[in-house]
PDB file of N, CA and C in Angstrom:
ATOM      1  N   MET A   1     -31.438  -9.964  15.622  1.00  0.00           N
ATOM      2  CA  MET A   1     -30.012  -9.643  15.717  1.00  0.00           C
ATOM      3  C   MET A   1     -29.270  -9.981  14.717  1.00  0.00           C
ATOM      4  N   GLN A   2     -29.575 -11.107  14.268  1.00  0.00           N
ATOM      5  CA  GLN A   2     -28.726 -11.624  13.171  1.00  0.00           C
ATOM      6  C   GLN A   2     -28.835 -10.862  11.909  1.00  0.00           C
ATOM      7  N   LYS A   3     -30.004 -10.505  11.539  1.00  0.00           N
ATOM      8  CA  LYS A   3     -30.128  -9.459  10.311  1.00  0.00           C
ATOM      9  C   LYS A   3     -29.486  -7.884  10.579  1.00  0.00           C
ATOM     10  N   THR A   4     -29.294  -7.519  11.983  1.00  0.00           N
ATOM     11  CA  THR A   4     -28.851  -6.317  12.355  1.00  0.00           C
ATOM     12  C   THR A   4     -27.331  -6.499  12.215  1.00  0.00           C
ATOM     13  N   GLY A   5     -26.862  -7.663  12.717  1.00  0.00           N
ATOM     14  CA  GLY A   5     -25.398  -7.943  12.507  1.00  0.00           C
ATOM     15  C   GLY A   5     -24.796  -7.920  11.025  1.00  0.00           C
ATOM     16  N   GLY A   6     -25.722  -8.482  10.144  1.00  0.00           N
ATOM     17  CA  GLY A   6     -25.475  -8.562   8.696  1.00  0.00           C
ATOM     18  C   GLY A   6     -25.299  -7.410   7.970  1.00  0.00           C
ATOM     19  N   ILE A   7     -26.288  -6.432   8.476  1.00  0.00           N
ATOM     20  CA  ILE A   7     -26.617  -5.170   7.880  1.00  0.00           C
ATOM     21  C   ILE A   7     -25.447  -4.410   8.387  1.00  0.00           C
ATOM     22  N   ILE A   8     -24.921  -4.356   9.616  1.00  0.00           N
ATOM     23  CA  ILE A   8     -23.952  -3.502  10.072  1.00  0.00           C
ATOM     24  C   ILE A   8     -22.665  -4.013   9.412  1.00  0.00           C
ATOM     25  N   ALA A   9     -22.509  -5.094   9.273  1.00  0.00           N
ATOM     26  CA  ALA A   9     -21.329  -5.646   8.383  1.00  0.00           C
ATOM     27  C   ALA A   9     -21.090  -5.159   7.059  1.00  0.00           C
ATOM     28  N   MET A  10     -22.343  -5.059   6.263  1.00  0.00           N
ATOM     29  CA  MET A  10     -22.493  -4.814   4.997  1.00  0.00           C
ATOM     30  C   MET A  10     -22.096  -3.286   4.859  1.00  0.00           C
ATOM     31  N   VAL A  11     -22.693  -2.537   5.562  1.00  0.00           N
ATOM     32  CA  VAL A  11     -22.652  -1.119   5.724  1.00  0.00           C
ATOM     33  C   VAL A  11     -21.039  -0.836   6.037  1.00  0.00           C
ATOM     34  N   ALA A  12     -20.558  -1.065   7.067  1.00  0.00           N
ATOM     35  CA  ALA A  12     -19.032  -0.979   7.390  1.00  0.00           C
ATOM     36  C   ALA A  12     -18.090  -1.527   6.184  1.00  0.00           C
ATOM     37  N   GLY A  13     -18.488  -2.504   5.421  1.00  0.00           N
ATOM     38  CA  GLY A  13     -17.808  -3.159   4.511  1.00  0.00           C
ATOM     39  C   GLY A  13     -17.643  -2.081   3.311  1.00  0.00           C
ATOM     40  N   ALA A  14     -19.014  -1.907   2.799  1.00  0.00           N
ATOM     41  CA  ALA A  14     -19.151  -0.562   1.818  1.00  0.00           C
ATOM     42  C   ALA A  14     -18.165   0.547   2.205  1.00  0.00           C
ATOM     43  N   ILE A  15     -18.269   1.045   3.286  1.00  0.00           N
ATOM     44  CA  ILE A  15     -17.461   2.330   3.497  1.00  0.00           C
ATOM     45  C   ILE A  15     -16.004   1.977   3.654  1.00  0.00           C
ATOM     46  N   VAL A  16     -15.468   0.744   3.799  1.00  0.00           N
ATOM     47  CA  VAL A  16     -14.162   0.517   3.927  1.00  0.00           C
ATOM     48  C   VAL A  16     -13.837   0.309   2.479  1.00  0.00           C
ATOM     49  N   VAL A  17     -14.561  -0.148   1.414  1.00  0.00           N
ATOM     50  CA  VAL A  17     -14.091  -0.280   0.214  1.00  0.00           C
ATOM     51  C   VAL A  17     -13.721   0.947  -0.257  1.00  0.00           C
ATOM     52  N   VAL A  18     -14.702   2.070  -0.078  1.00  0.00           N
ATOM     53  CA  VAL A  18     -14.277   3.375  -0.459  1.00  0.00           C
ATOM     54  C   VAL A  18     -12.917   4.117   0.197  1.00  0.00           C
ATOM     55  N   ILE A  19     -12.804   3.819   1.340  1.00  0.00           N
ATOM     56  CA  ILE A  19     -11.640   4.264   2.083  1.00  0.00           C
ATOM     57  C   ILE A  19     -10.484   3.578   1.602  1.00  0.00           C
ATOM     58  N   ALA A  20     -10.371   2.259   1.207  1.00  0.00           N
ATOM     59  CA  ALA A  20      -9.422   1.414   0.600  1.00  0.00           C
ATOM     60  C   ALA A  20      -8.923   1.965  -0.638  1.00  0.00           C
ATOM     61  N   PHE A  21     -10.000   2.041  -1.512  1.00  0.00           N
ATOM     62  CA  PHE A  21      -9.825   2.831  -2.769  1.00  0.00           C
ATOM     63  C   PHE A  21      -9.104   3.820  -2.830  1.00  0.00           C
ATOM     64  N   ALA A  22      -9.453   4.951  -1.960  1.00  0.00           N
ATOM     65  CA  ALA A  22      -8.796   6.043  -1.506  1.00  0.00           C
ATOM     66  C   ALA A  22      -7.278   6.000  -1.130  1.00  0.00           C
ATOM     67  N   THR A  23      -7.011   5.054  -0.201  1.00  0.00           N
ATOM     68  CA  THR A  23      -5.812   4.743   0.133  1.00  0.00           C
ATOM     69  C   THR A  23      -4.826   4.406  -0.910  1.00  0.00           C
ATOM     70  N   LEU A  24      -5.560   3.510  -1.722  1.00  0.00           N
ATOM     71  CA  LEU A  24      -4.684   3.070  -2.895  1.00  0.00           C
ATOM     72  C   LEU A  24      -4.597   3.958  -3.919  1.00  0.00           C
ATOM     73  N   ILE A  25      -5.300   5.058  -3.993  1.00  0.00           N
ATOM     74  CA  ILE A  25      -5.033   6.026  -5.175  1.00  0.00           C
ATOM     75  C   ILE A  25      -3.959   7.078  -4.447  1.00  0.00           C
ATOM     76  N   PHE A  26      -4.222   7.484  -3.300  1.00  0.00           N
ATOM     77  CA  PHE A  26      -3.159   8.466  -2.810  1.00  0.00           C
ATOM     78  C   PHE A  26      -1.976   7.773  -2.492  1.00  0.00           C
ATOM     79  N   GLY A  27      -1.795   6.649  -2.125  1.00  0.00           N
ATOM     80  CA  GLY A  27      -0.560   6.000  -1.837  1.00  0.00           C
ATOM     81  C   GLY A  27       0.261   5.545  -3.181  1.00  0.00           C
ATOM     82  N   GLY A  28      -0.729   5.286  -4.220  1.00  0.00           N
ATOM     83  CA  GLY A  28      -0.032   5.161  -5.440  1.00  0.00           C
ATOM     84  C   GLY A  28       0.743   6.352  -6.161  1.00  0.00           C
ATOM     85  N   GLY A  29       0.190   7.394  -5.759  1.00  0.00           N
ATOM     86  CA  GLY A  29       0.670   8.603  -6.421  1.00  0.00           C
ATOM     87  C   GLY A  29       1.846   8.944  -6.006  1.00  0.00           C
ATOM     88  N   ILE A  30       2.447   8.589  -5.096  1.00  0.00           N
ATOM     89  CA  ILE A  30       3.786   8.793  -4.465  1.00  0.00           C
ATOM     90  C   ILE A  30       4.808   7.723  -4.890  1.00  0.00           C
ATOM     91  N   ASP A  31       6.005   7.984  -5.338  1.00  0.00           N
ATOM     92  CA  ASP A  31       6.970   7.042  -6.038  1.00  0.00           C
ATOM     93  C   ASP A  31       7.848   6.695  -4.893  1.00  0.00           C
ATOM     94  N   TRP A  32       7.714   6.216  -3.938  1.00  0.00           N
ATOM     95  CA  TRP A  32       8.716   5.530  -3.120  1.00  0.00           C
ATOM     96  C   TRP A  32       8.700   4.088  -3.161  1.00  0.00           C
ATOM     97  N   GLU A  33      10.147   3.534  -2.898  1.00  0.00           N
ATOM     98  CA  GLU A  33      10.162   2.136  -3.206  1.00  0.00           C
ATOM     99  C   GLU A  33       9.514   1.408  -1.898  1.00  0.00           C
ATOM    100  N   ALA A  34       9.258   2.009  -0.786  1.00  0.00           N
ATOM    101  CA  ALA A  34       8.645   1.191   0.314  1.00  0.00           C
ATOM    102  C   ALA A  34       7.042   1.222   0.050  1.00  0.00           C
ATOM    103  N   LEU A  35       6.747   1.856  -0.788  1.00  0.00           N
ATOM    104  CA  LEU A  35       5.130   1.972  -0.920  1.00  0.00           C
ATOM    105  C   LEU A  35       4.809   0.823  -1.834  1.00  0.00           C
ATOM    106  N   THR A  36       5.465  -0.117  -2.318  1.00  0.00           N
ATOM    107  CA  THR A  36       5.122  -1.409  -3.076  1.00  0.00           C
ATOM    108  C   THR A  36       4.660  -2.117  -2.253  1.00  0.00           C
ATOM    109  N   LEU A  37       5.089  -2.580  -1.142  1.00  0.00           N
ATOM    110  CA  LEU A  37       4.625  -3.472   0.015  1.00  0.00           C
ATOM    111  C   LEU A  37       3.548  -2.785   0.552  1.00  0.00           C
ATOM    112  N   VAL A  38       3.330  -1.429   0.853  1.00  0.00           N
ATOM    113  CA  VAL A  38       1.945  -0.940   1.231  1.00  0.00           C
ATOM    114  C   VAL A  38       0.931  -0.984   0.342  1.00  0.00           C
ATOM    115  N   GLU A  39       1.099  -0.821  -0.818  1.00  0.00           N
ATOM    116  CA  GLU A  39       0.027  -1.146  -2.094  1.00  0.00           C
ATOM    117  C   GLU A  39      -0.260  -2.647  -1.975  1.00  0.00           C
ATOM    118  N   ASP A  40       0.600  -3.515  -2.002  1.00  0.00           N
ATOM    119  CA  ASP A  40       0.257  -4.761  -1.881  1.00  0.00           C
ATOM    120  C   ASP A  40      -0.824  -5.519  -1.030  1.00  0.00           C
ATOM    121  N   ILE A  41      -0.142  -4.808   0.346  1.00  0.00           N
ATOM    122  CA  ILE A  41      -1.038  -5.138   1.644  1.00  0.00           C
ATOM    123  C   ILE A  41      -2.573  -4.488   1.529  1.00  0.00           C
ATOM    124  N   GLY A  42      -2.383  -3.173   0.842  1.00  0.00           N
ATOM    125  CA  GLY A  42      -3.758  -2.461   0.702  1.00  0.00           C
ATOM    126  C   GLY A  42      -4.637  -3.261  -0.100  1.00  0.00           C
ATOM    127  N   TRP A  43      -4.160  -4.032  -1.252  1.00  0.00           N
ATOM    128  CA  TRP A  43      -4.933  -4.806  -2.050  1.00  0.00           C
ATOM    129  C   TRP A  43      -5.511  -5.888  -1.244  1.00  0.00           C
ATOM    130  N   GLY A  44      -4.931  -6.511  -0.401  1.00  0.00           N
ATOM    131  CA  GLY A  44      -5.234  -7.737   0.529  1.00  0.00           C
ATOM    132  C   GLY A  44      -6.456  -7.071   1.382  1.00  0.00           C
ATOM    133  N   GLY A  45      -6.288  -5.906   1.857  1.00  0.00           N
ATOM    134  CA  GLY A  45      -7.274  -5.190   2.671  1.00  0.00           C
ATOM    135  C   GLY A  45      -8.672  -4.866   1.942  1.00  0.00           C
ATOM    136  N   LEU A  46      -8.428  -4.564   0.730  1.00  0.00           N
ATOM    137  CA  LEU A  46      -9.655  -4.155  -0.258  1.00  0.00           C
ATOM    138  C   LEU A  46     -10.251  -5.651  -0.359  1.00  0.00           C
ATOM    139  N   PHE A  47      -9.416  -6.656  -1.016  1.00  0.00           N
ATOM    140  CA  PHE A  47     -10.198  -7.844  -1.081  1.00  0.00           C
ATOM    141  C   PHE A  47     -10.961  -8.555   0.271  1.00  0.00           C
ATOM    142  N   PHE A  48     -10.447  -8.614   1.335  1.00  0.00           N
ATOM    143  CA  PHE A  48     -11.150  -8.884   2.494  1.00  0.00           C
ATOM    144  C   PHE A  48     -12.373  -7.900   2.719  1.00  0.00           C
ATOM    145  N   SER A  49     -12.422  -6.610   2.402  1.00  0.00           N
ATOM    146  CA  SER A  49     -13.308  -5.885   2.448  1.00  0.00           C
ATOM    147  C   SER A  49     -14.418  -6.299   1.816  1.00  0.00           C
ATOM    148  N   PHE A  50     -14.354  -6.490   0.390  1.00  0.00           N
ATOM    149  CA  PHE A  50     -15.188  -7.221  -0.454  1.00  0.00           C
ATOM    150  C   PHE A  50     -15.941  -8.473   0.215  1.00  0.00           C
ATOM    151  N   LEU A  51     -15.074  -9.332   0.608  1.00  0.00           N
ATOM    152  CA  LEU A  51     -15.669 -10.594   1.531  1.00  0.00           C
ATOM    153  C   LEU A  51     -16.678 -10.034   2.731  1.00  0.00           C
ATOM    154  N   VAL A  52     -16.211  -9.154   3.236  1.00  0.00           N
ATOM    155  CA  VAL A  52     -16.960  -8.594   4.290  1.00  0.00           C
ATOM    156  C   VAL A  52     -18.355  -8.231   3.863  1.00  0.00           C
ATOM    157  N   ILE A  53     -18.468  -7.482   2.716  1.00  0.00           N
ATOM    158  CA  ILE A  53     -19.591  -7.195   2.281  1.00  0.00           C
ATOM    159  C   ILE A  53     -20.456  -8.486   1.907  1.00  0.00           C
ATOM    160  N   ILE A  54     -19.767  -9.479   1.323  1.00  0.00           N
ATOM    161  CA  ILE A  54     -20.382 -10.604   0.784  1.00  0.00           C
ATOM    162  C   ILE A  54     -20.754 -11.601   1.853  1.00  0.00           C
ATOM    163  N   PHE A  55     -20.089 -11.802   2.932  1.00  0.00           N
ATOM    164  CA  PHE A  55     -20.439 -12.619   4.074  1.00  0.00           C
ATOM    165  C   PHE A  55     -21.642 -11.703   5.030  1.00  0.00           C
ATOM    166  N   GLY A  56     -21.576 -10.522   5.113  1.00  0.00           N
ATOM    167  CA  GLY A  56     -22.615  -9.729   5.720  1.00  0.00           C
ATOM    168  C   GLY A  56     -23.880 -10.022   4.984  1.00  0.00           C
ATOM    169  N   THR A  57     -23.715  -9.999   3.508  1.00  0.00           N
ATOM    170  CA  THR A  57     -24.993 -10.092   2.904  1.00  0.00           C
ATOM    171  C   THR A  57     -25.585 -11.752   3.213  1.00  0.00           C
ATOM    172  N   MET A  58     -24.852 -12.711   3.264  1.00  0.00           N
ATOM    173  CA  MET A  58     -25.103 -14.040   3.621  1.00  0.00           C
ATOM    174  C   MET A  58     -25.440 -14.220   4.959  1.00  0.00           C
ATOM    175  N   ALA A  59     -24.983 -13.537   5.850  1.00  0.00           N
ATOM    176  CA  ALA A  59     -25.190 -13.500   7.222  1.00  0.00           C
ATOM    177  C   ALA A  59     -26.575 -13.238   7.521  1.00  0.00           C
ATOM    178  N   ILE A  60     -27.601 -12.343   6.721  1.00  0.00           N
ATOM    179  CA  ILE A  60     -28.794 -12.013   7.099  1.00  0.00           C
ATOM    180  C   ILE A  60     -29.642 -13.128   7.190  1.00  0.00           C
ATOM    181  N   THR A  61     -29.390 -14.172   6.194  1.00  0.00           N
ATOM    182  CA  THR A  61     -30.167 -15.235   6.199  1.00  0.00           C
ATOM    183  C   THR A  61     -29.852 -16.597   6.301  1.00  0.00           C
ATOM    184  N   ALA A  62     -28.577 -16.771   7.013  1.00  0.00           N
ATOM    185  CA  ALA A  62     -27.679 -17.857   7.181  1.00  0.00           C
ATOM    186  C   ALA A  62     -28.182 -18.680   8.288  1.00  0.00           C
ATOM    187  N   ARG A  63     -28.045 -19.915   8.270  1.00  0.00           N
ATOM    188  CA  ARG A  63     -28.414 -20.800   9.290  1.00  0.00           C
ATOM    189  C   ARG A  63     -27.579 -21.569   9.960  1.00  0.00           C
ATOM    190  N   ASP A  64     -26.324 -21.465   9.555  1.00  0.00           N
ATOM    191  CA  ASP A  64     -25.140 -22.205   9.885  1.00  0.00           C
ATOM    192  C   ASP A  64     -24.150 -20.998  10.522  1.00  0.00           C
ATOM    193  N   LYS A  65     -23.351 -21.310  11.537  1.00  0.00           N
ATOM    194  CA  LYS A  65     -22.496 -20.252  12.316  1.00  0.00           C
ATOM    195  C   LYS A  65     -21.357 -20.098  11.145  1.00  0.00           C
ATOM    196  N   ILE A  66     -21.109 -21.007  10.305  1.00  0.00           N
ATOM    197  CA  ILE A  66     -19.996 -20.757   9.642  1.00  0.00           C
ATOM    198  C   ILE A  66     -19.768 -19.551   8.630  1.00  0.00           C
ATOM    199  N   ILE A  67     -20.898 -18.894   8.456  1.00  0.00           N
ATOM    200  CA  ILE A  67     -20.909 -17.887   7.781  1.00  0.00           C
ATOM    201  C   ILE A  67     -20.595 -16.531   8.619  1.00  0.00           C
ATOM    202  N   GLY A  68     -21.039 -16.625   9.809  1.00  0.00           N
ATOM    203  CA  GLY A  68     -20.652 -15.536  10.728  1.00  0.00           C
ATOM    204  C   GLY A  68     -19.250 -15.543  11.147  1.00  0.00           C
ATOM    205  N   ILE A  69     -18.641 -16.670  11.318  1.00  0.00           N
ATOM    206  CA  ILE A  69     -17.124 -16.910  11.491  1.00  0.00           C
ATOM    207  C   ILE A  69     -16.390 -16.755  10.390  1.00  0.00           C
ATOM    208  N   LEU A  70     -16.921 -16.891   9.057  1.00  0.00           N
ATOM    209  CA  LEU A  70     -15.971 -16.390   8.140  1.00  0.00           C
ATOM    210  C   LEU A  70     -16.116 -14.614   7.939  1.00  0.00           C
ATOM    211  N   LEU A  71     -17.330 -14.341   8.551  1.00  0.00           N
ATOM    212  CA  LEU A  71     -17.340 -12.691   8.461  1.00  0.00           C
ATOM    213  C   LEU A  71     -16.278 -12.269   9.592  1.00  0.00           C
ATOM    214  N   ILE A  72     -16.292 -12.689  10.626  1.00  0.00           N
ATOM    215  CA  ILE A  72     -15.429 -12.333  11.626  1.00  0.00           C
ATOM    216  C   ILE A  72     -13.970 -12.187  11.172  1.00  0.00           C
ATOM    217  N   LEU A  73     -13.588 -13.482  10.592  1.00  0.00           N
ATOM    218  CA  LEU A  73     -12.139 -13.615   9.946  1.00  0.00           C
ATOM    219  C   LEU A  73     -12.038 -12.647   9.014  1.00  0.00           C
ATOM    220  N   SER A  74     -12.731 -12.509   7.989  1.00  0.00           N
ATOM    221  CA  SER A  74     -12.611 -11.492   7.011  1.00  0.00           C
ATOM    222  C   SER A  74     -12.383  -9.972   7.497  1.00  0.00           C
ATOM    223  N   ALA A  75     -13.086  -9.880   8.748  1.00  0.00           N
ATOM    224  CA  ALA A  75     -12.996  -8.386   9.131  1.00  0.00           C
ATOM    225  C   ALA A  75     -11.622  -8.294   9.880  1.00  0.00           C
ATOM    226  N   ILE A  76     -11.341  -9.181  10.584  1.00  0.00           N
ATOM    227  CA  ILE A  76      -9.814  -9.118  11.198  1.00  0.00           C
ATOM    228  C   ILE A  76      -8.880  -9.205  10.247  1.00  0.00           C
ATOM    229  N   LEU A  77      -8.946 -10.073   9.068  1.00  0.00           N
ATOM    230  CA  LEU A  77      -7.880  -9.674   8.087  1.00  0.00           C
ATOM    231  C   LEU A  77      -7.873  -8.529   7.402  1.00  0.00           C
ATOM    232  N   ALA A  78      -8.799  -8.033   6.969  1.00  0.00           N
ATOM    233  CA  ALA A  78      -8.974  -6.643   6.606  1.00  0.00           C
ATOM    234  C   ALA A  78      -8.593  -5.644   7.336  1.00  0.00           C
ATOM    235  N   ALA A  79      -8.753  -5.657   8.590  1.00  0.00           N
ATOM    236  CA  ALA A  79      -8.144  -4.838   9.525  1.00  0.00           C
ATOM    237  C   ALA A  79      -6.650  -4.709   9.700  1.00  0.00           C
ATOM    238  N   ILE A  80      -5.974  -5.937   9.732  1.00  0.00           N
ATOM    239  CA  ILE A  80      -4.571  -6.221   9.826  1.00  0.00           C
ATOM    240  C   ILE A  80      -4.125  -5.807   8.450  1.00  0.00           C
ATOM    241  N   LEU A  81      -4.601  -6.059   7.452  1.00  0.00           N
ATOM    242  CA  LEU A  81      -3.909  -5.601   5.943  1.00  0.00           C
ATOM    243  C   LEU A  81      -4.477  -4.350   5.424  1.00  0.00           C
ATOM    244  N   GLY A  82      -5.551  -3.707   6.061  1.00  0.00           N
ATOM    245  CA  GLY A  82      -5.859  -2.483   5.417  1.00  0.00           C
ATOM    246  C   GLY A  82      -5.037  -1.291   5.986  1.00  0.00           C
ATOM    247  N   GLY A  83      -4.781  -1.112   7.211  1.00  0.00           N
ATOM    248  CA  GLY A  83      -4.277   0.110   7.713  1.00  0.00           C
ATOM    249  C   GLY A  83      -5.266   0.553   8.527  1.00  0.00           C
ATOM    250  N   LEU A  84      -4.861   1.641   9.262  1.00  0.00           N
ATOM    251  CA  LEU A  84      -5.479   2.409  10.199  1.00  0.00           C
ATOM    252  C   LEU A  84      -7.043   2.748  10.109  1.00  0.00           C
ATOM    253  N   PHE A  85      -7.274   3.381   9.076  1.00  0.00           N
ATOM    254  CA  PHE A  85      -8.601   3.806   8.574  1.00  0.00           C
ATOM    255  C   PHE A  85      -9.637   2.684   8.331  1.00  0.00           C
ATOM    256  N   VAL A  86      -9.025   1.662   7.875  1.00  0.00           N
ATOM    257  CA  VAL A  86      -9.676   0.488   7.511  1.00  0.00           C
ATOM    258  C   VAL A  86     -10.026  -0.316   8.699  1.00  0.00           C
ATOM    259  N   ALA A  87      -9.093  -0.289   9.562  1.00  0.00           N
ATOM    260  CA  ALA A  87      -9.259  -1.137  10.804  1.00  0.00           C
ATOM    261  C   ALA A  87     -10.397  -0.536  11.645  1.00  0.00           C
ATOM    262  N   VAL A  88     -10.556   0.798  11.750  1.00  0.00           N
ATOM    263  CA  VAL A  88     -11.481   1.484  12.745  1.00  0.00           C
ATOM    264  C   VAL A  88     -12.949   0.989  12.091  1.00  0.00           C
ATOM    265  N   PHE A  89     -13.126   1.017  10.878  1.00  0.00           N
ATOM    266  CA  PHE A  89     -14.513   0.412  10.530  1.00  0.00           C
ATOM    267  C   PHE A  89     -14.588  -0.882  10.640  1.00  0.00           C
ATOM    268  N   MET A  90     -13.569  -1.540  10.450  1.00  0.00           N
ATOM    269  CA  MET A  90     -13.543  -3.093  10.423  1.00  0.00           C
ATOM    270  C   MET A  90     -13.938  -3.542  11.874  1.00  0.00           C
ATOM    271  N   VAL A  91     -13.507  -3.019  12.739  1.00  0.00           N
ATOM    272  CA  VAL A  91     -14.197  -3.046  14.236  1.00  0.00           C
ATOM    273  C   VAL A  91     -15.643  -3.178  14.367  1.00  0.00           C
ATOM    274  N   ILE A  92     -16.298  -2.177  13.426  1.00  0.00           N
ATOM    275  CA  ILE A  92     -17.689  -2.235  13.450  1.00  0.00           C
ATOM    276  C   ILE A  92     -18.242  -3.462  12.720  1.00  0.00           C
ATOM    277  N   ALA A  93     -17.516  -3.716  11.633  1.00  0.00           N
ATOM    278  CA  ALA A  93     -18.076  -5.189  10.899  1.00  0.00           C
ATOM    279  C   ALA A  93     -17.767  -6.290  11.906  1.00  0.00           C
ATOM    280  N   LEU A  94     -16.521  -6.253  12.588  1.00  0.00           N
ATOM    281  CA  LEU A  94     -16.622  -7.332  13.643  1.00  0.00           C
ATOM    282  C   LEU A  94     -17.462  -7.542  14.675  1.00  0.00           C
ATOM    283  N   ILE A  95     -17.968  -6.261  15.384  1.00  0.00           N
ATOM    284  CA  ILE A  95     -19.055  -6.435  15.866  1.00  0.00           C
ATOM    285  C   ILE A  95     -20.508  -7.197  15.185  1.00  0.00           C
ATOM    286  N   GLY A  96     -20.689  -6.571  13.972  1.00  0.00           N
ATOM    287  CA  GLY A  96     -21.624  -7.329  13.395  1.00  0.00           C
ATOM    288  C   GLY A  96     -21.805  -8.761  13.073  1.00  0.00           C
ATOM    289  N   GLY A  97     -20.249  -9.142  12.939  1.00  0.00           N
ATOM    290  CA  GLY A  97     -20.267 -10.626  12.740  1.00  0.00           C
ATOM    291  C   GLY A  97     -20.385 -11.208  14.026  1.00  0.00           C
ATOM    292  N   VAL A  98     -20.088 -10.746  15.262  1.00  0.00           N
ATOM    293  CA  VAL A  98     -20.117 -11.278  16.384  1.00  0.00           C
ATOM    294  C   VAL A  98     -21.710 -11.394  16.786  1.00  0.00           C
ATOM    295  N   MET A  99     -22.669 -10.421  16.293  1.00  0.00           N
ATOM    296  CA  MET A  99     -23.854 -10.307  16.594  1.00  0.00           C
ATOM    297  C   MET A  99     -24.692 -11.270  15.966  1.00  0.00           C
ATOM    298  N   ALA A 100     -24.237 -11.337  14.657  1.00  0.00           N
ATOM    299  CA  ALA A 100     -24.847 -12.566  13.559  1.00  0.00           C
ATOM    300  C   ALA A 100     -24.605 -13.820  14.129  1.00  0.00           C
ATOM    301  N   THR A 101     -23.194 -14.259  14.740  1.00  0.00           N
ATOM    302  CA  THR A 101     -22.975 -15.475  15.036  1.00  0.00           C
ATOM    303  C   THR A 101     -23.766 -15.710  16.176  1.00  0.00           C
ATOM    304  N   MET A 102     -23.863 -14.923  17.347  1.00  0.00           N
ATOM    305  CA  MET A 102     -24.612 -15.315  18.752  1.00  0.00           C
ATOM    306  C   MET A 102     -26.107 -15.651  18.307  1.00  0.00           C
ATOM    307  N   GLU A 103     -26.651 -14.929  17.214  1.00  0.00           N
ATOM    308  CA  GLU A 103     -28.191 -15.124  17.081  1.00  0.00           C
ATOM    309  C   GLU A 103     -28.202 -16.792  16.055  1.00  0.00           C
ATOM    310  N   MET A 104     -27.276 -16.923  15.470  1.00  0.00           N
ATOM    311  CA  MET A 104     -27.205 -18.035  14.901  1.00  0.00           C
ATOM    312  C   MET A 104     -27.125 -19.408  15.859  1.00  0.00           C
ATOM    313  N   LYS A 105     -26.260 -19.030  16.893  1.00  0.00           N
ATOM    314  CA  LYS A 105     -26.107 -20.102  17.907  1.00  0.00           C
ATOM    315  C   LYS A 105     -27.412 -20.281  18.666  1.00  0.00           C
ATOM    316  N   ASN A 106     -27.951 -19.335  18.849  1.00  0.00           N
ATOM    317  CA  ASN A 106     -29.293 -19.200  19.734  1.00  0.00           C
ATOM    318  C   ASN A 106     -30.232 -20.277  18.978  1.00  0.00           C
ATOM    319  N   LYS A 107     -30.411 -19.890  17.458  1.00  0.00           N
ATOM    320  CA  LYS A 107     -31.134 -20.684  16.735  1.00  0.00           C
ATOM    321  C   LYS A 107     -30.926 -22.097  16.532  1.00  0.00           C
ATOM    322  N   GLU A 108     -29.711 -22.610  16.709  1.00  0.00           N
ATOM    323  CA  GLU A 108     -29.461 -23.898  16.734  1.00  0.00           C
ATOM    324  C   GLU A 108     -29.870 -24.566  17.858  1.00  0.00           C
ATOM    325  N   GLU A 109     -29.591 -23.739  19.251  1.00  0.00           N
ATOM    326  CA  GLU A 109     -30.081 -24.615  20.444  1.00  0.00           C
ATOM    327  C   GLU A 109     -31.501 -24.581  20.524  1.00  0.00           C
ATOM    328  N   ASN A 110     -32.185 -23.782  19.915  1.00  0.00           N
ATOM    329  CA  ASN A 110     -33.622 -23.551  20.074  1.00  0.00           C
ATOM    330  C   ASN A 110     -34.155 -25.134  19.068  1.00  0.00           C
ATOM    331  N   ARG A 111     -33.500 -25.280  17.935  1.00  0.00           N
ATOM    332  CA  ARG A 111     -33.850 -26.486  17.338  1.00  0.00           C
ATOM    333  C   ARG A 111     -33.716 -27.640  17.960  1.00  0.00           C
ATOM    334  N   ALA A 112     -32.644 -27.604  18.669  1.00  0.00           N
ATOM    335  CA  ALA A 112     -32.226 -29.066  19.393  1.00  0.00           C
ATOM    336  C   ALA A 112     -33.197 -29.458  20.510  1.00  0.00           C
ATOM    337  N   ALA A 113     -33.820 -28.310  21.067  1.00  0.00           N
ATOM    338  CA  ALA A 113     -34.590 -28.502  22.310  1.00  0.00           C
ATOM    339  C   ALA A 113     -36.027 -29.100  21.937  1.00  0.00           C
TER     340      ALA A 113
END
């Protein structure tokens, strides 16, 4: 389940990067004053989307829960900063992060026993 969660997060992150770039391109084409804030927040969503891909890759072979927790936090922050379309796919990445973290917890419990 850990590998599955990491792969789900990676795929969702890759889709979100494409969506975030499209949002920034189309949002930057309009010359409104209020869009500067939207663009700045969009860049934050794009940054955290890249982090979701990185942490999803690391979660496949991770032994500590911290990678899964960082994946979950990155997905939440990308959903908040990225907008509606990004948030829809970040829910999928969040589910992948939870799946990866649950499996890591079970592995730690088995080692202790």
